[in-house]
Protein backbone atom coordinates (compact mmCIF):
# COMPACT_ATOMS: atom_id res chain seq x y z
CA MET A 1 71.59 21.31 8.55
CA PRO A 2 75.15 21.19 10.30
CA ARG A 3 77.81 23.90 9.67
CA TYR A 4 80.94 22.61 7.71
CA ALA A 5 84.55 23.42 7.91
CA ASP A 6 87.45 22.99 5.44
CA GLY A 7 90.47 22.33 7.63
CA PHE A 8 94.24 22.94 6.52
CA VAL A 9 97.78 22.38 8.02
CA ILE A 10 100.83 23.45 5.98
CA VAL A 11 104.46 24.36 6.46
CA VAL A 12 105.46 27.65 5.38
CA PRO A 13 109.27 28.78 5.16
CA LYS A 14 109.74 31.56 7.54
CA LYS A 15 110.99 33.90 4.86
CA ASN A 16 107.71 33.35 2.93
CA LEU A 17 105.41 34.11 5.84
CA LYS A 18 104.79 37.55 5.17
CA ALA A 19 103.91 36.76 1.48
CA TYR A 20 101.72 34.06 2.74
CA GLU A 21 99.87 36.37 5.09
CA ALA A 22 99.30 38.86 2.20
CA MET A 23 97.94 36.05 0.08
CA SER A 24 95.79 34.89 3.00
CA LYS A 25 94.13 38.19 3.58
CA LYS A 26 93.50 38.50 -0.07
CA ALA A 27 92.01 35.12 -0.31
CA GLY A 28 90.04 35.47 2.67
CA LYS A 29 88.15 38.50 1.47
CA ILE A 30 87.26 36.70 -1.62
CA TRP A 31 85.88 33.61 0.34
CA LYS A 32 84.09 35.79 2.63
CA GLU A 33 82.66 37.89 -0.38
CA TYR A 34 81.22 34.62 -1.71
CA GLY A 35 79.72 33.66 1.54
CA ALA A 36 82.18 31.75 3.80
CA LEU A 37 81.32 32.48 7.53
CA GLU A 38 84.83 32.55 8.78
CA TYR A 39 88.18 32.47 7.47
CA CYS A 40 91.08 31.81 9.74
CA GLU A 41 94.80 31.55 9.50
CA CYS A 42 96.91 30.66 12.43
CA VAL A 43 100.73 30.44 12.88
CA GLY A 44 101.91 27.63 15.46
CA ASP A 45 103.83 29.22 18.53
CA ASP A 46 103.13 26.74 21.30
CA LEU A 47 103.83 23.37 19.67
CA LYS A 48 105.90 21.43 22.06
CA VAL A 49 103.06 19.65 23.87
CA LYS A 50 103.53 16.86 26.19
CA PHE A 51 100.52 14.80 24.98
CA GLY A 52 98.91 13.55 21.96
CA THR A 53 100.71 13.98 18.57
CA PRO A 54 102.47 17.41 18.24
CA PHE A 55 101.80 19.37 14.82
CA PRO A 56 105.57 19.22 14.20
CA LYS A 57 105.60 15.41 14.54
CA LEU A 58 103.04 15.30 11.68
CA THR A 59 104.43 18.11 9.37
CA LYS A 60 108.07 17.65 9.84
CA PRO A 61 108.95 21.28 9.46
CA LYS A 62 112.52 22.06 8.74
CA THR A 63 114.24 24.61 11.20
CA ASN A 64 113.44 27.30 8.76
CA GLU A 65 109.75 26.64 8.59
CA VAL A 66 106.47 27.24 10.79
CA VAL A 67 103.40 25.37 11.17
CA VAL A 68 100.02 26.99 9.90
CA PHE A 69 96.75 25.68 10.87
CA SER A 70 93.74 27.13 9.00
CA TRP A 71 89.96 26.68 8.69
CA ILE A 72 87.03 28.21 6.54
CA LEU A 73 83.65 27.88 7.92
CA TYR A 74 80.40 27.53 5.94
CA LYS A 75 76.79 27.14 6.65
CA SER A 76 76.78 23.33 5.08
CA ARG A 77 78.79 21.27 2.98
CA ALA A 78 76.45 22.21 -0.04
CA HIS A 79 77.21 25.78 0.88
CA ARG A 80 81.01 24.96 0.94
CA ASP A 81 80.60 23.43 -2.52
CA LYS A 82 78.90 26.54 -3.81
CA VAL A 83 81.38 28.89 -2.36
CA ASN A 84 84.33 26.93 -3.40
CA ALA A 85 83.11 26.65 -6.95
CA LYS A 86 82.88 30.59 -7.12
CA VAL A 87 86.14 31.28 -5.48
CA MET A 88 87.99 28.75 -7.84
CA LYS A 89 86.65 30.71 -10.88
CA ASP A 90 87.62 34.19 -9.47
CA PRO A 91 90.46 35.63 -11.68
CA ARG A 92 91.84 37.55 -8.53
CA LEU A 93 93.36 34.35 -7.33
CA ALA A 94 94.84 33.20 -10.51
CA PRO A 95 98.17 35.08 -10.13
CA ASP A 96 98.76 33.42 -6.64
CA MET A 97 98.15 29.95 -7.82
CA ASP A 98 101.26 29.97 -9.94
CA LYS A 99 103.41 31.26 -7.12
CA MET A 100 102.56 29.76 -3.78
CA PRO A 101 104.78 30.50 -0.77
CA PHE A 102 104.75 27.06 0.42
CA ASP A 103 105.04 23.49 -0.90
CA MET A 104 101.54 22.53 -1.81
CA LYS A 105 102.54 18.75 -1.82
CA ARG A 106 102.94 19.00 2.07
CA MET A 107 99.51 20.40 2.67
CA SER A 108 97.07 18.36 4.61
CA TYR A 109 93.25 19.17 3.63
CA GLY A 110 89.90 17.94 4.53
CA GLY A 111 86.28 18.85 4.97
CA PHE A 112 84.48 18.33 8.18
CA THR A 113 80.95 18.36 9.42
CA VAL A 114 80.66 20.36 12.65
CA PHE A 115 79.06 18.04 15.33
CA VAL A 116 79.72 20.17 18.42
CA ASP A 117 79.20 23.91 18.17
CA LEU A 118 78.98 25.93 21.26
C-alpha cells in the first residue's frame, strides 16, 4: 500500500510566525502521537526562482507575510483518515482553532498518494 501525504501551503503574517511555530510544534506532537510518520513545516527563504511558477505568484503574499509549505506523512490514505479523525477530536487543539495565526481562507490543502519514495 503506498504511503500518503497531506500537503499545505499558507501565508503567515511575519508578526505571527512565532505563534504559528508554537502552534505547529504542539500540533505536530499530537499528529505523531496518533501515528503520523512525519510532520514538517517549512518557511520560504529562496522563492525567487527563475523557472516554473514561484510560490509567491500562487499565494500572493503581502510584504509583511511569509510563505509556509507543510506536509504530514502517513502509512496510507486509510491511515491518514484514522489519524486525522483522532486528531480532530483531541481537546488539546480546540483552543488553537479559534485563533489561527493565519487566514485559513488563503490556505491550499490536498491529499497526495506517494508514488516515488526513494
